[in-house]
Protein backbone atom coordinates (compact mmCIF):
# COMPACT_ATOMS: atom_id res chain seq x y z
CA UNK A 1 4.12 20.26 -0.69
CA UNK A 2 0.33 19.18 -1.86
CA UNK A 3 -1.84 16.59 -1.13
CA UNK A 4 -1.47 16.01 -5.51
CA UNK A 5 2.03 15.31 -4.51
CA UNK A 6 1.57 13.25 -1.51
CA UNK A 7 -0.74 11.65 -3.13
CA UNK A 8 1.84 10.57 -6.60
CA UNK A 9 4.64 10.60 -4.43
CA UNK A 10 2.49 7.79 -1.81
CA UNK A 11 1.41 5.74 -4.85
CA UNK A 12 5.10 5.36 -6.24
CA UNK A 13 6.29 4.40 -2.98
CA UNK A 14 4.34 1.69 -2.19
CA UNK A 15 4.88 0.76 -5.99
CA UNK A 16 0.88 0.44 -7.09
CA UNK A 17 -0.56 1.30 -10.51
CA UNK A 18 -3.58 3.87 -10.27
CA UNK A 19 -5.80 1.45 -11.22
CA UNK A 20 -4.37 -0.40 -7.94
CA UNK A 21 -5.24 1.25 -5.71
CA UNK A 22 -8.40 2.72 -7.00
CA UNK A 23 -9.62 -0.73 -6.79
CA UNK A 24 -8.61 -1.63 -3.02
CA UNK A 25 -10.24 1.88 -1.87
CA UNK A 26 -13.65 1.20 -3.72
CA UNK A 27 -13.02 4.07 -6.59
CA UNK A 28 -13.00 4.00 -9.97
CA UNK A 29 -9.44 4.77 -11.99
CA UNK A 30 -10.85 8.05 -13.43
CA UNK A 31 -11.59 9.45 -9.63
CA UNK A 32 -7.79 8.21 -8.58
CA UNK A 33 -6.67 10.49 -12.22
CA UNK A 34 -8.61 13.25 -10.97
CA UNK A 35 -6.61 13.49 -7.43
CA UNK A 36 -3.72 13.07 -9.05
CA UNK A 37 -3.78 14.58 -12.48
CA UNK A 38 -3.99 18.01 -13.65
CA UNK A 39 -7.17 18.89 -11.97
CA UNK A 40 -6.32 18.17 -8.51
CA UNK A 41 -9.57 17.58 -6.99
CA UNK A 42 -10.09 17.03 -3.39
CA UNK A 43 -12.02 13.94 -2.22
CA UNK A 44 -14.63 13.43 0.30
CA UNK A 45 -13.18 13.12 3.70
CA UNK A 46 -14.65 9.17 3.23
CA UNK A 47 -12.49 8.66 0.03
CA UNK A 48 -9.22 10.17 1.19
CA UNK A 49 -9.40 8.03 4.73
CA UNK A 50 -9.70 4.79 2.43
CA UNK A 51 -7.10 5.85 -0.06
CA UNK A 52 -4.78 6.44 2.94
CA UNK A 53 -5.57 3.14 4.57
CA UNK A 54 -4.73 1.47 0.78
CA UNK A 55 -1.31 3.77 1.13
CA UNK A 56 -0.65 2.40 4.92
CA UNK A 57 -0.44 6.61 5.89
CA UNK A 58 -2.80 8.90 7.64
CA UNK A 59 -4.43 11.18 6.56
CA UNK A 60 -3.75 14.45 7.90
CA UNK A 61 -0.39 13.08 6.05
CA UNK A 62 -1.40 12.86 2.99
CA UNK A 63 -3.55 16.28 3.19
CA UNK A 64 -0.24 18.77 5.52
CA UNK A 65 2.65 16.22 4.84
CA UNK A 66 2.46 15.91 8.91
CA UNK A 67 3.11 12.13 10.25
CA UNK A 68 0.20 11.89 13.30
CA UNK A 69 2.09 11.24 16.51
CA UNK A 70 -0.39 8.19 17.10
CA UNK A 71 0.78 6.18 14.12
CA UNK A 72 3.31 3.32 14.50
CA UNK A 73 7.53 4.18 14.97
CA UNK A 74 9.02 3.79 11.43
CA UNK A 75 10.59 1.30 11.35
CA UNK A 76 8.12 -1.01 12.33
CA UNK A 77 4.91 0.79 9.67
CA UNK A 78 7.60 -0.11 6.83
CA UNK A 79 7.62 -3.13 7.46
CA UNK A 80 4.08 -3.34 8.42
CA UNK A 81 2.81 -1.38 4.77
CA UNK A 82 5.59 -3.40 3.33
CA UNK A 83 3.95 -6.60 3.71
CA UNK A 84 0.55 -4.92 3.89
CA UNK A 85 1.58 -3.61 0.19
CA UNK A 86 2.26 -6.86 -1.09
CA UNK A 87 -0.77 -8.55 0.39
CA UNK A 88 -2.85 -6.37 -1.00
CA UNK A 89 -1.11 -6.16 -4.07
CA UNK A 90 -1.85 -9.57 -4.89
CA UNK A 91 -5.65 -9.74 -3.56
CA UNK A 92 -6.45 -7.20 -5.69
CA UNK A 93 -6.06 -9.20 -8.34
CA UNK A 94 -7.72 -12.35 -7.78
CA UNK A 95 -11.20 -12.86 -9.26
CA UNK A 96 -13.82 -12.29 -6.38
CA UNK A 97 -14.38 -15.84 -5.79
CA UNK A 98 -10.81 -16.04 -4.72
CA UNK A 99 -10.78 -13.31 -2.68
CA UNK A 100 -14.06 -14.97 -0.84
CA UNK A 101 -12.20 -18.25 -0.54
CA UNK A 102 -9.31 -16.35 0.98
CA UNK A 103 -10.87 -14.05 3.39
CA UNK A 104 -12.92 -17.04 4.56
CA UNK A 105 -9.85 -19.50 5.25
CA UNK A 106 -7.76 -15.84 6.83
CA UNK A 107 -11.14 -15.67 8.98
CA UNK A 108 -10.42 -19.24 10.29
CA UNK A 109 -7.02 -19.34 10.26
CA UNK A 110 -7.63 -15.68 12.97
CA UNK A 111 -10.42 -18.50 14.93
CA UNK A 112 -8.05 -21.65 15.36
CA UNK A 113 -5.33 -18.97 17.15
């Protein structure tokens, strides 16, 4: 399986649209299309890291298909990824103003611990 195929599979597994992944990773839809489309371009290391974070996997996994032994156990990772994916999906649909409010709220909650 290639990088392109693993990327496509992971996007589908997460239930994201390509444009959602692009937005969350800070790249254009056209750029993500170049990675999953027939062009099968490879992203820069910086972009690959951002995409991997959005998808809850390592760059190593996207490139080689091998899981990094330092990542969370499968069960823990699945729970974490599901919650994170859900949160990111909702967050990506908010206006910039609402995103700022939510981040401020989360920071306030964290300080209150």
